[in-house]
Amino acid sequence: MRLTIVRIVALALALFLAAACDGGDEVVSSDDPRPSQTSSGAGADGTRYAATGTVLESPQHGPQLCSEVEESYPPQCGGLDIIGWDWDAAPGAESASGTTWGEYTVVGTWDGEALTLTEPPGEPERRGPDDADRFATPCPEPDGGWQVVDPATATDEAMQAAIDHARAQPDIGGVWLDQSINPAAREEPIDEGAMNDPTRVVLNVTFTGDLERHEADLRQRWGGPLCVSEAPASIADLEAIREEVQAEVGERMTYSSVDEVRGRIEIGVHIDDQGFQARFDERYGESVVVVGATLRPVAG
């Protein structure tokens, strides 16, 4: 049975986060019983901070800048409370079942618990090229392009068998799908049948070593386009680091995940006023742990 378009897109997004889910991502929601993240004097000097993201108000809570959005309709989220929000000053909002939301850039002061707006919401800042090719295949394209090697094993079932085998290896670094070789990915409207063609997907798998052996093992299971490349660290090593940094960041953390595509840990905080990024860079190496601060200081 072929993957539906929803499944194959979701798989491409979820594969590199699978280890994170297994480890139990921690997300602070609006009804989290733990104390709110505090900050030693953050915003007390009048510093303004900016952030771009989804602002959502529901029957359960007032306007919040979402830390993570659940893919429901209407969407749900928990995050930073926003003081001074006015939907009349926020064009482009959507509403359903008592929930209103939209994408905006917000600017305000931060007191450790809430963001108080100092100006009306603006247009959201678009993602840069860093995210544009997140699932790009690192291997050079073979002569003649990406081709099926064995049609008999270029099936959904064979792909899943290869993924299961790869994930069972102790030196696995990550797994993801690159659909950029499928012409249907650039067409509108989307042709679901064309998008679900397993022969038009590059299966990417990374390991920390012994790449030739791993590629040979995967080729016995998967006959479609395949890229086996070197990982900077294994998922097991990254998970061990994630446990350490989660304990250190503590209640300030809004999320954590293993990014299998980039081979790194991603930790979310509202504001990095404790120097977590510099601390982790020194301890683990540059960008092994990436601290994503929701709020960034505004110059001037």
C-alpha atoms as a PDB file:
ATOM      1  CA  MET A   1       0.000   0.000   0.000  1.00  0.00           C
ATOM      2  CA  ARG A   2       1.432   3.352  -1.015  1.00  0.00           C
ATOM      3  CA  LEU A   3       1.992   6.126   1.449  1.00  0.00           C
ATOM      4  CA  THR A   4      -0.652   8.815   1.283  1.00  0.00           C
ATOM      5  CA  ILE A   5       0.642  12.318   0.595  1.00  0.00           C
ATOM      6  CA  VAL A   6      -0.072  13.269   4.198  1.00  0.00           C
ATOM      7  CA  ARG A   7       1.934  10.303   5.460  1.00  0.00           C
ATOM      8  CA  ILE A   8       4.952  10.838   3.232  1.00  0.00           C
ATOM      9  CA  VAL A   9       5.184  14.561   4.019  1.00  0.00           C
ATOM     10  CA  ALA A  10       4.702  13.881   7.699  1.00  0.00           C
ATOM     11  CA  LEU A  11       7.358  11.179   7.531  1.00  0.00           C
ATOM     12  CA  ALA A  12       9.833  13.558   5.928  1.00  0.00           C
ATOM     13  CA  LEU A  13       9.230  16.056   8.711  1.00  0.00           C
ATOM     14  CA  ALA A  14       9.142  13.522  11.498  1.00  0.00           C
ATOM     15  CA  LEU A  15      11.959  11.113  10.722  1.00  0.00           C
ATOM     16  CA  PHE A  16      14.711  13.423  11.933  1.00  0.00           C
ATOM     17  CA  LEU A  17      12.707  14.086  15.105  1.00  0.00           C
ATOM     18  CA  ALA A  18      11.893  10.458  15.838  1.00  0.00           C
ATOM     19  CA  ALA A  19      14.645  10.052  18.378  1.00  0.00           C
ATOM     20  CA  ALA A  20      13.475  13.203  20.110  1.00  0.00           C
ATOM     21  CA  CYS A  21       9.958  11.854  20.392  1.00  0.00           C
ATOM     22  CA  ASP A  22      11.257   8.582  21.783  1.00  0.00           C
ATOM     23  CA  GLY A  23      13.164  10.576  24.369  1.00  0.00           C
ATOM     24  CA  GLY A  24      10.106  12.523  25.423  1.00  0.00           C
ATOM     25  CA  ASP A  25      10.295  16.083  24.168  1.00  0.00           C
ATOM     26  CA  GLU A  26       9.533  18.558  26.887  1.00  0.00           C
ATOM     27  CA  VAL A  27       7.247  21.418  25.958  1.00  0.00           C
ATOM     28  CA  VAL A  28       5.989  23.975  28.429  1.00  0.00           C
ATOM     29  CA  SER A  29       2.300  24.670  27.781  1.00  0.00           C
ATOM     30  CA  SER A  30      -0.077  27.222  29.211  1.00  0.00           C
ATOM     31  CA  ASP A  31      -1.429  24.731  31.721  1.00  0.00           C
ATOM     32  CA  ASP A  32       1.944  23.355  32.783  1.00  0.00           C
ATOM     33  CA  PRO A  33       1.910  23.007  36.593  1.00  0.00           C
ATOM     34  CA  ARG A  34       5.556  24.041  36.951  1.00  0.00           C
ATOM     35  CA  PRO A  35       6.537  27.594  37.847  1.00  0.00           C
ATOM     36  CA  SER A  36       6.802  30.063  34.981  1.00  0.00           C
ATOM     37  CA  GLN A  37      10.243  30.694  33.533  1.00  0.00           C
ATOM     38  CA  THR A  38      11.826  33.510  35.483  1.00  0.00           C
ATOM     39  CA  SER A  39      14.601  35.848  34.511  1.00  0.00           C
ATOM     40  CA  SER A  40      17.082  37.731  36.623  1.00  0.00           C
ATOM     41  CA  GLY A  41      15.991  41.271  35.868  1.00  0.00           C
ATOM     42  CA  ALA A  42      15.057  40.619  32.255  1.00  0.00           C
ATOM     43  CA  GLY A  43      13.318  43.669  30.877  1.00  0.00           C
ATOM     44  CA  ALA A  44      13.892  45.646  34.049  1.00  0.00           C
ATOM     45  CA  ASP A  45      16.187  48.005  32.140  1.00  0.00           C
ATOM     46  CA  GLY A  46      13.571  48.638  29.481  1.00  0.00           C
ATOM     47  CA  THR A  47      15.249  46.406  26.903  1.00  0.00           C
ATOM     48  CA  ARG A  48      12.918  45.622  24.034  1.00  0.00           C
ATOM     49  CA  TYR A  49      12.736  42.167  22.509  1.00  0.00           C
ATOM     50  CA  ALA A  50      11.353  40.949  19.193  1.00  0.00           C
ATOM     51  CA  ALA A  51       9.998  37.580  18.123  1.00  0.00           C
ATOM     52  CA  THR A  52       8.222  36.098  15.126  1.00  0.00           C
ATOM     53  CA  GLY A  53       5.684  33.324  15.436  1.00  0.00           C
ATOM     54  CA  THR A  54       2.085  32.310  15.888  1.00  0.00           C
ATOM     55  CA  VAL A  55       0.001  34.382  18.272  1.00  0.00           C
ATOM     56  CA  LEU A  56      -3.069  32.481  19.445  1.00  0.00           C
ATOM     57  CA  GLU A  57      -5.962  33.218  21.780  1.00  0.00           C
ATOM     58  CA  SER A  58      -8.386  30.466  22.759  1.00  0.00           C
ATOM     59  CA  PRO A  59     -11.203  29.932  25.266  1.00  0.00           C
ATOM     60  CA  GLN A  60      -8.555  28.384  27.528  1.00  0.00           C
ATOM     61  CA  HIS A  61      -6.093  31.313  27.556  1.00  0.00           C
ATOM     62  CA  GLY A  62      -5.523  34.860  26.373  1.00  0.00           C
ATOM     63  CA  PRO A  63      -3.137  35.922  23.585  1.00  0.00           C
ATOM     64  CA  GLN A  64       0.079  33.913  23.657  1.00  0.00           C
ATOM     65  CA  LEU A  65       3.160  33.728  21.486  1.00  0.00           C
ATOM     66  CA  CYS A  66       3.226  30.001  20.786  1.00  0.00           C
ATOM     67  CA  SER A  67       6.208  27.886  21.782  1.00  0.00           C
ATOM     68  CA  GLU A  68       4.866  24.991  19.702  1.00  0.00           C
ATOM     69  CA  VAL A  69       1.682  24.713  17.645  1.00  0.00           C
ATOM     70  CA  GLU A  70      -0.440  21.565  17.553  1.00  0.00           C
ATOM     71  CA  GLU A  71      -1.673  20.724  14.050  1.00  0.00           C
ATOM     72  CA  SER A  72      -5.375  20.661  14.805  1.00  0.00           C
ATOM     73  CA  TYR A  73      -8.209  22.879  13.617  1.00  0.00           C
ATOM     74  CA  PRO A  74      -8.376  25.255  15.189  1.00  0.00           C
ATOM     75  CA  PRO A  75      -4.719  24.990  16.227  1.00  0.00           C
ATOM     76  CA  GLN A  76      -3.721  24.832  19.880  1.00  0.00           C
ATOM     77  CA  CYS A  77      -0.601  26.022  21.634  1.00  0.00           C
ATOM     78  CA  GLY A  78       1.001  27.209  24.824  1.00  0.00           C
ATOM     79  CA  GLY A  79       3.621  29.896  25.144  1.00  0.00           C
ATOM     80  CA  LEU A  80       4.365  33.415  26.311  1.00  0.00           C
ATOM     81  CA  ASP A  81       1.495  35.554  27.547  1.00  0.00           C
ATOM     82  CA  ILE A  82       1.231  38.833  25.634  1.00  0.00           C
ATOM     83  CA  ILE A  83       0.031  41.970  27.392  1.00  0.00           C
ATOM     84  CA  GLY A  84      -1.536  44.736  25.342  1.00  0.00           C
ATOM     85  CA  TRP A  85      -2.624  42.581  22.415  1.00  0.00           C
ATOM     86  CA  ASP A  86      -5.388  43.913  20.147  1.00  0.00           C
ATOM     87  CA  TRP A  87      -6.682  41.719  17.338  1.00  0.00           C
ATOM     88  CA  ASP A  88      -8.003  44.802  15.558  1.00  0.00           C
ATOM     89  CA  ALA A  89      -4.378  45.865  15.101  1.00  0.00           C
ATOM     90  CA  ALA A  90      -3.370  42.409  13.855  1.00  0.00           C
ATOM     91  CA  PRO A  91      -4.510  41.988  10.235  1.00  0.00           C
ATOM     92  CA  GLY A  92      -4.785  38.577   8.646  1.00  0.00           C
ATOM     93  CA  ALA A  93      -5.969  36.695  11.713  1.00  0.00           C
ATOM     94  CA  GLU A  94      -8.077  33.538  11.403  1.00  0.00           C
ATOM     95  CA  SER A  95     -10.832  32.450  13.773  1.00  0.00           C
ATOM     96  CA  ALA A  96     -12.654  29.182  14.412  1.00  0.00           C
ATOM     97  CA  SER A  97     -14.550  27.724  17.371  1.00  0.00           C
ATOM     98  CA  GLY A  98     -13.656  30.613  19.659  1.00  0.00           C
ATOM     99  CA  THR A  99      -9.931  30.523  18.803  1.00  0.00           C
ATOM    100  CA  THR A 100      -8.146  33.318  16.929  1.00  0.00           C
ATOM    101  CA  TRP A 101      -4.606  33.103  15.584  1.00  0.00           C
ATOM    102  CA  GLY A 102      -2.120  34.499  13.079  1.00  0.00           C
ATOM    103  CA  GLU A 103       1.578  34.872  12.245  1.00  0.00           C
ATOM    104  CA  TYR A 104       3.223  38.099  13.414  1.00  0.00           C
ATOM    105  CA  THR A 105       6.403  39.808  14.522  1.00  0.00           C
ATOM    106  CA  VAL A 106       5.956  41.253  17.994  1.00  0.00           C
ATOM    107  CA  VAL A 107       8.101  43.722  19.921  1.00  0.00           C
ATOM    108  CA  GLY A 108       7.904  44.445  23.637  1.00  0.00           C
ATOM    109  CA  THR A 109       9.504  44.275  27.055  1.00  0.00           C
ATOM    110  CA  TRP A 110       9.930  41.052  28.974  1.00  0.00           C
ATOM    111  CA  ASP A 111       9.506  40.779  32.752  1.00  0.00           C
ATOM    112  CA  GLY A 112      10.278  37.082  33.021  1.00  0.00           C
ATOM    113  CA  GLU A 113       6.652  36.008  32.725  1.00  0.00           C
ATOM    114  CA  ALA A 114       4.991  37.992  29.933  1.00  0.00           C
ATOM    115  CA  LEU A 115       5.776  40.137  26.917  1.00  0.00           C
ATOM    116  CA  THR A 116       4.286  43.632  27.092  1.00  0.00           C
ATOM    117  CA  LEU A 117       3.907  45.093  23.618  1.00  0.00           C
ATOM    118  CA  THR A 118       5.532  48.430  22.875  1.00  0.00           C
ATOM    119  CA  GLU A 119       4.274  48.648  19.281  1.00  0.00           C
ATOM    120  CA  PRO A 120       1.586  47.069  17.101  1.00  0.00           C
ATOM    121  CA  PRO A 121       2.282  43.616  15.639  1.00  0.00           C
ATOM    122  CA  GLY A 122       4.082  43.533  12.302  1.00  0.00           C
ATOM    123  CA  GLU A 123       4.423  41.210   9.340  1.00  0.00           C
ATOM    124  CA  PRO A 124       6.147  37.894  10.163  1.00  0.00           C
ATOM    125  CA  GLU A 125       9.785  37.595   9.168  1.00  0.00           C
ATOM    126  CA  ARG A 126      10.212  34.887   6.590  1.00  0.00           C
ATOM    127  CA  ARG A 127      12.566  31.964   7.087  1.00  0.00           C
ATOM    128  CA  GLY A 128      15.951  32.356   5.521  1.00  0.00           C
ATOM    129  CA  PRO A 129      17.896  29.920   3.327  1.00  0.00           C
ATOM    130  CA  ASP A 130      19.028  28.002   6.415  1.00  0.00           C
ATOM    131  CA  ASP A 131      15.647  26.219   6.472  1.00  0.00           C
ATOM    132  CA  ALA A 132      14.923  26.289   2.748  1.00  0.00           C
ATOM    133  CA  ASP A 133      16.908  23.119   1.980  1.00  0.00           C
ATOM    134  CA  ARG A 134      16.563  21.380   5.323  1.00  0.00           C
ATOM    135  CA  PHE A 135      16.074  17.962   3.741  1.00  0.00           C
ATOM    136  CA  ALA A 136      18.597  18.361   0.896  1.00  0.00           C
ATOM    137  CA  THR A 137      20.646  15.254   0.091  1.00  0.00           C
ATOM    138  CA  PRO A 138      24.349  15.696   0.968  1.00  0.00           C
ATOM    139  CA  CYS A 139      25.567  13.074  -1.525  1.00  0.00           C
ATOM    140  CA  PRO A 140      26.516  14.264  -5.031  1.00  0.00           C
ATOM    141  CA  GLU A 141      23.969  13.349  -7.664  1.00  0.00           C
ATOM    142  CA  PRO A 142      25.051  10.158  -9.487  1.00  0.00           C
ATOM    143  CA  ASP A 143      25.867  10.223 -13.191  1.00  0.00           C
ATOM    144  CA  GLY A 144      22.551  10.046 -14.966  1.00  0.00           C
ATOM    145  CA  GLY A 145      20.657  11.319 -11.922  1.00  0.00           C
ATOM    146  CA  TRP A 146      18.987   9.540  -9.050  1.00  0.00           C
ATOM    147  CA  GLN A 147      17.788   6.198 -10.380  1.00  0.00           C
ATOM    148  CA  VAL A 148      16.083   3.074  -9.118  1.00  0.00           C
ATOM    149  CA  VAL A 149      18.620   0.269  -8.737  1.00  0.00           C
ATOM    150  CA  ASP A 150      16.148  -2.542  -8.093  1.00  0.00           C
ATOM    151  CA  PRO A 151      12.432  -1.989  -8.872  1.00  0.00           C
ATOM    152  CA  ALA A 152      11.474  -5.017  -6.804  1.00  0.00           C
ATOM    153  CA  THR A 153      12.719  -3.329  -3.627  1.00  0.00           C
ATOM    154  CA  ALA A 154      11.785   0.260  -4.505  1.00  0.00           C
ATOM    155  CA  THR A 155       8.504   0.021  -2.604  1.00  0.00           C
ATOM    156  CA  ASP A 156       7.036   1.603   0.505  1.00  0.00           C
ATOM    157  CA  GLU A 157       7.450  -1.659   2.394  1.00  0.00           C
ATOM    158  CA  ALA A 158      11.091  -1.975   1.357  1.00  0.00           C
ATOM    159  CA  MET A 159      11.800   1.621   2.381  1.00  0.00           C
ATOM    160  CA  GLN A 160      10.327   1.012   5.812  1.00  0.00           C
ATOM    161  CA  ALA A 161      12.377  -2.176   6.189  1.00  0.00           C
ATOM    162  CA  ALA A 162      15.546  -0.246   5.355  1.00  0.00           C
ATOM    163  CA  ILE A 163      14.660   2.489   7.836  1.00  0.00           C
ATOM    164  CA  ASP A 164      13.941  -0.059  10.577  1.00  0.00           C
ATOM    165  CA  HIS A 165      17.284  -1.742   9.909  1.00  0.00           C
ATOM    166  CA  ALA A 166      19.157   1.573   9.966  1.00  0.00           C
ATOM    167  CA  ARG A 167      17.586   2.643  13.227  1.00  0.00           C
ATOM    168  CA  ALA A 168      18.627  -0.613  14.853  1.00  0.00           C
ATOM    169  CA  GLN A 169      22.315   0.206  14.290  1.00  0.00           C
ATOM    170  CA  PRO A 170      24.142   1.679  17.323  1.00  0.00           C
ATOM    171  CA  ASP A 171      26.033   4.238  15.200  1.00  0.00           C
ATOM    172  CA  ILE A 172      22.967   5.611  13.397  1.00  0.00           C
ATOM    173  CA  GLY A 173      23.037   9.390  13.109  1.00  0.00           C
ATOM    174  CA  GLY A 174      19.780  10.131  11.353  1.00  0.00           C
ATOM    175  CA  VAL A 175      17.189   9.283   8.706  1.00  0.00           C
ATOM    176  CA  TRP A 176      15.214  11.603   6.460  1.00  0.00           C
ATOM    177  CA  LEU A 177      13.551  11.764   3.041  1.00  0.00           C
ATOM    178  CA  ASP A 178      14.384  14.211   0.254  1.00  0.00           C
ATOM    179  CA  GLN A 179      11.498  14.662  -2.178  1.00  0.00           C
ATOM    180  CA  SER A 180      13.167  17.380  -4.230  1.00  0.00           C
ATOM    181  CA  ILE A 181      13.853  14.937  -7.082  1.00  0.00           C
ATOM    182  CA  ASN A 182      10.103  14.508  -7.587  1.00  0.00           C
ATOM    183  CA  PRO A 183       8.815  16.989 -10.214  1.00  0.00           C
ATOM    184  CA  ALA A 184       5.412  16.858  -8.557  1.00  0.00           C
ATOM    185  CA  ALA A 185       6.878  18.627  -5.519  1.00  0.00           C
ATOM    186  CA  ARG A 186       7.099  21.824  -7.585  1.00  0.00           C
ATOM    187  CA  GLU A 187       3.680  21.628  -9.223  1.00  0.00           C
ATOM    188  CA  GLU A 188       0.339  23.145  -8.262  1.00  0.00           C
ATOM    189  CA  PRO A 189      -2.110  21.704  -7.563  1.00  0.00           C
ATOM    190  CA  ILE A 190      -0.337  18.799  -5.891  1.00  0.00           C
ATOM    191  CA  ASP A 191      -0.795  15.427  -7.543  1.00  0.00           C
ATOM    192  CA  GLU A 192      -1.137  13.040  -4.617  1.00  0.00           C
ATOM    193  CA  GLY A 193      -0.459   9.972  -6.712  1.00  0.00           C
ATOM    194  CA  ALA A 194       2.778  11.420  -8.111  1.00  0.00           C
ATOM    195  CA  MET A 195       3.922  12.615  -4.696  1.00  0.00           C
ATOM    196  CA  ASN A 196       3.492   9.126  -3.265  1.00  0.00           C
ATOM    197  CA  ASP A 197       5.875   7.500  -5.715  1.00  0.00           C
ATOM    198  CA  PRO A 198       8.639   5.871  -3.578  1.00  0.00           C
ATOM    199  CA  THR A 199      10.976   5.818  -6.572  1.00  0.00           C
ATOM    200  CA  ARG A 200      11.018   9.637  -6.514  1.00  0.00           C
ATOM    201  CA  VAL A 201      12.371   9.918  -2.976  1.00  0.00           C
ATOM    202  CA  VAL A 202      16.003   9.891  -1.862  1.00  0.00           C
ATOM    203  CA  LEU A 203      16.339   7.935   1.356  1.00  0.00           C
ATOM    204  CA  ASN A 204      19.027   9.651   3.422  1.00  0.00           C
ATOM    205  CA  VAL A 205      20.744   7.769   6.228  1.00  0.00           C
ATOM    206  CA  THR A 206      23.767   8.881   8.244  1.00  0.00           C
ATOM    207  CA  PHE A 207      26.169   6.878  10.389  1.00  0.00           C
ATOM    208  CA  THR A 208      29.257   7.838  12.337  1.00  0.00           C
ATOM    209  CA  GLY A 209      31.444   5.387  10.404  1.00  0.00           C
ATOM    210  CA  ASP A 210      31.805   2.243   8.269  1.00  0.00           C
ATOM    211  CA  LEU A 211      29.695   3.825   5.541  1.00  0.00           C
ATOM    212  CA  GLU A 212      30.452   1.252   2.829  1.00  0.00           C
ATOM    213  CA  ARG A 213      29.198  -1.607   4.988  1.00  0.00           C
ATOM    214  CA  HIS A 214      26.070   0.278   5.994  1.00  0.00           C
ATOM    215  CA  GLU A 215      25.309   1.199   2.397  1.00  0.00           C
ATOM    216  CA  ALA A 216      25.706  -2.401   1.288  1.00  0.00           C
ATOM    217  CA  ASP A 217      23.364  -3.561   4.069  1.00  0.00           C
ATOM    218  CA  LEU A 218      20.727  -0.988   3.116  1.00  0.00           C
ATOM    219  CA  ARG A 219      21.025  -1.835  -0.582  1.00  0.00           C
ATOM    220  CA  GLN A 220      19.926  -5.369   0.223  1.00  0.00           C
ATOM    221  CA  ARG A 221      16.668  -3.891   1.498  1.00  0.00           C
ATOM    222  CA  TRP A 222      16.063  -0.719  -0.522  1.00  0.00           C
ATOM    223  CA  GLY A 223      16.340  -0.419  -4.298  1.00  0.00           C
ATOM    224  CA  GLY A 224      15.390   3.236  -4.704  1.00  0.00           C
ATOM    225  CA  PRO A 225      17.571   6.359  -4.556  1.00  0.00           C
ATOM    226  CA  LEU A 226      19.851   6.165  -1.511  1.00  0.00           C
ATOM    227  CA  CYS A 227      22.399   8.453   0.124  1.00  0.00           C
ATOM    228  CA  VAL A 228      24.541   7.167   2.988  1.00  0.00           C
ATOM    229  CA  SER A 229      26.704   9.873   4.533  1.00  0.00           C
ATOM    230  CA  GLU A 230      28.706  10.539   7.682  1.00  0.00           C
ATOM    231  CA  ALA A 231      27.005  11.830  10.821  1.00  0.00           C
ATOM    232  CA  PRO A 232      28.796  14.176  13.220  1.00  0.00           C
ATOM    233  CA  ALA A 233      27.414  12.173  16.136  1.00  0.00           C
ATOM    234  CA  SER A 234      25.194   9.186  16.768  1.00  0.00           C
ATOM    235  CA  ILE A 235      21.626   9.580  17.967  1.00  0.00           C
ATOM    236  CA  ALA A 236      22.619   7.800  21.187  1.00  0.00           C
ATOM    237  CA  ASP A 237      25.377  10.345  21.867  1.00  0.00           C
ATOM    238  CA  LEU A 238      23.077  13.253  21.050  1.00  0.00           C
ATOM    239  CA  GLU A 239      20.398  11.901  23.362  1.00  0.00           C
ATOM    240  CA  ALA A 240      22.939  11.671  26.182  1.00  0.00           C
ATOM    241  CA  ILE A 241      23.893  15.314  25.611  1.00  0.00           C
ATOM    242  CA  ARG A 242      20.238  16.277  25.455  1.00  0.00           C
ATOM    243  CA  GLU A 243      19.604  14.795  28.892  1.00  0.00           C
ATOM    244  CA  GLU A 244      22.487  16.824  30.322  1.00  0.00           C
ATOM    245  CA  VAL A 245      21.436  20.152  28.829  1.00  0.00           C
ATOM    246  CA  GLN A 246      17.773  19.603  29.705  1.00  0.00           C
ATOM    247  CA  ALA A 247      18.745  19.140  33.336  1.00  0.00           C
ATOM    248  CA  GLU A 248      20.905  22.260  33.230  1.00  0.00           C
ATOM    249  CA  VAL A 249      18.361  24.501  31.507  1.00  0.00           C
ATOM    250  CA  GLY A 250      15.601  23.200  33.758  1.00  0.00           C
ATOM    251  CA  GLU A 251      12.312  25.044  33.894  1.00  0.00           C
ATOM    252  CA  ARG A 252      13.566  27.681  31.480  1.00  0.00           C
ATOM    253  CA  MET A 253      13.317  25.154  28.633  1.00  0.00           C
ATOM    254  CA  THR A 254      10.348  25.429  26.286  1.00  0.00           C
ATOM    255  CA  TYR A 255      11.244  22.486  24.029  1.00  0.00           C
ATOM    256  CA  SER A 256      14.059  20.142  23.112  1.00  0.00           C
ATOM    257  CA  SER A 257      14.673  17.879  20.141  1.00  0.00           C
ATOM    258  CA  VAL A 258      17.303  15.944  18.233  1.00  0.00           C
ATOM    259  CA  ASP A 259      17.764  17.318  14.721  1.00  0.00           C
ATOM    260  CA  GLU A 260      18.880  14.234  12.834  1.00  0.00           C
ATOM    261  CA  VAL A 261      19.383  16.109   9.569  1.00  0.00           C
ATOM    262  CA  ARG A 262      21.928  18.521  11.019  1.00  0.00           C
ATOM    263  CA  GLY A 263      23.177  16.173  13.719  1.00  0.00           C
ATOM    264  CA  ARG A 264      22.583  18.463  16.669  1.00  0.00           C
ATOM    265  CA  ILE A 265      20.444  19.168  19.733  1.00  0.00           C
ATOM    266  CA  GLU A 266      17.959  22.030  19.683  1.00  0.00           C
ATOM    267  CA  ILE A 267      16.860  23.585  22.960  1.00  0.00           C
ATOM    268  CA  GLY A 268      14.291  26.340  23.288  1.00  0.00           C
ATOM    269  CA  VAL A 269      14.212  29.091  25.896  1.00  0.00           C
ATOM    270  CA  HIS A 270      12.274  32.328  26.089  1.00  0.00           C
ATOM    271  CA  ILE A 271      15.445  34.368  26.503  1.00  0.00           C
ATOM    272  CA  ASP A 272      19.070  33.260  26.816  1.00  0.00           C
ATOM    273  CA  ASP A 273      20.083  35.607  29.611  1.00  0.00           C
ATOM    274  CA  GLN A 274      22.134  32.866  31.267  1.00  0.00           C
ATOM    275  CA  GLY A 275      24.602  32.422  28.401  1.00  0.00           C
ATOM    276  CA  PHE A 276      23.530  28.840  27.664  1.00  0.00           C
ATOM    277  CA  GLN A 277      24.670  28.991  24.034  1.00  0.00           C
ATOM    278  CA  ALA A 278      28.216  30.074  24.892  1.00  0.00           C
ATOM    279  CA  ARG A 279      28.363  27.584  27.728  1.00  0.00           C
ATOM    280  CA  PHE A 280      27.294  24.636  25.572  1.00  0.00           C
ATOM    281  CA  ASP A 281      29.534  25.654  22.665  1.00  0.00           C
ATOM    282  CA  GLU A 282      32.537  25.563  24.984  1.00  0.00           C
ATOM    283  CA  ARG A 283      31.561  22.241  26.505  1.00  0.00           C
ATOM    284  CA  TYR A 284      30.371  20.247  23.469  1.00  0.00           C
ATOM    285  CA  GLY A 285      31.743  22.133  20.481  1.00  0.00           C
ATOM    286  CA  GLU A 286      30.220  24.850  18.353  1.00  0.00           C
ATOM    287  CA  SER A 287      26.591  24.267  17.366  1.00  0.00           C
ATOM    288  CA  VAL A 288      26.378  20.731  18.759  1.00  0.00           C
ATOM    289  CA  VAL A 289      23.688  22.249  20.953  1.00  0.00           C
ATOM    290  CA  VAL A 290      21.736  25.129  19.425  1.00  0.00           C
ATOM    291  CA  VAL A 291      19.830  27.302  21.863  1.00  0.00           C
ATOM    292  CA  GLY A 292      16.845  28.911  20.211  1.00  0.00           C
ATOM    293  CA  ALA A 293      15.738  31.987  22.126  1.00  0.00           C
ATOM    294  CA  THR A 294      12.196  33.045  21.333  1.00  0.00           C
ATOM    295  CA  LEU A 295      13.000  36.649  22.213  1.00  0.00           C
ATOM    296  CA  ARG A 296      15.956  38.507  20.703  1.00  0.00           C
ATOM    297  CA  PRO A 297      17.103  41.954  21.867  1.00  0.00           C
ATOM    298  CA  VAL A 298      16.175  44.850  19.604  1.00  0.00           C
ATOM    299  CA  ALA A 299      19.099  47.154  18.852  1.00  0.00           C
ATOM    300  CA  GLY A 300      18.674  50.827  19.670  1.00  0.00           C
END
